């Protein structure tokens, strides 16, 4: 295996003939031309073997898709349209590394084409395990942030909750050959596991919300933890009504479905704070969006209700990367 052969195999599936790309893969730096009147919006995130994916159940195409998807989800939370991305690979020394990288690229390229997003550069380095680090660039006239919420804003969620965590639980149990029916049960079709294997970045929902929401965040670490980030940046508290949460079909099969929805993580749903006067317009514009609560004055903290009655917060609030 050589570095040049792996790079050539990885780049082959991508469409790279874009007028907006002045300098693309092959140079030390890329150069792009943002659209007039738009701000450049940037994000970076990594998926790492044994942390974010397990090759026992992720195909290489799944890994490539997920690596790009989690970054497009960040752009969606900013209300930004994806345009370009860079990709840095950590590659272990193994006989089929070039083949694995080529398949990973196919999964990534399919998602890039779906969102008209071009690869413009990257890096390859030797590593003990596979890792994929994406820097994604998009455009927005007025990027959404976590900091624009105010007390009284409605909290609106686009997407479903809990399925990624439920899928991870199922796949982990199956890989460990756990046979207890309560943990594995009947085989689950692959389509039901895609929330974990191939998350769908809600780019269109983010673009719609860009002109209606006051703040936004994508739910990668769990609803409660990410809502806490939005509250901290907006200097607000929040109350969430548990009966309104859109729990996914796979998660709904689990006895702790609500806990998975609140703190399971990797949902890549979008959470918006929106002024009351714009609430109905947002709900009408984004298919499946639901109001799940509201922001409250600072100092009130984060609380849950169930049919209006107070409910205790779970001990686990979400995923902590260093915890």
Foldseek 3Di string as FASTA:
>chain_A
DDPVLLVCLLCVLADADDPQWPAFAPDPDTHGHDDPLWDKDKDKDKDWDPPQDDVVPAQLLLRLQVQVQVRLLQCLQFLWQWAEKEKEKAFEPDDCRSVSSNNNSNSNRVVCVVRNYGYGYYYYDYDNGIMMMMMTMTIDNGTAALAQFDFQFFKKWFFAFQQQLLLVQQVVCVVVVPDDCLRHNDDDDVVSNCLSRRNHRPNVLSNQCNVFFRHKDWWAWFQQVGVVVSCVNHLWAKEFAQVFHRHDPSLVVHPPSSCRRGAVGSNSMMMTTGHPVRVVVSPVPRPPMDTGIGIRHHPPHYFYHYVRHTDDDDPHRGDDPVD
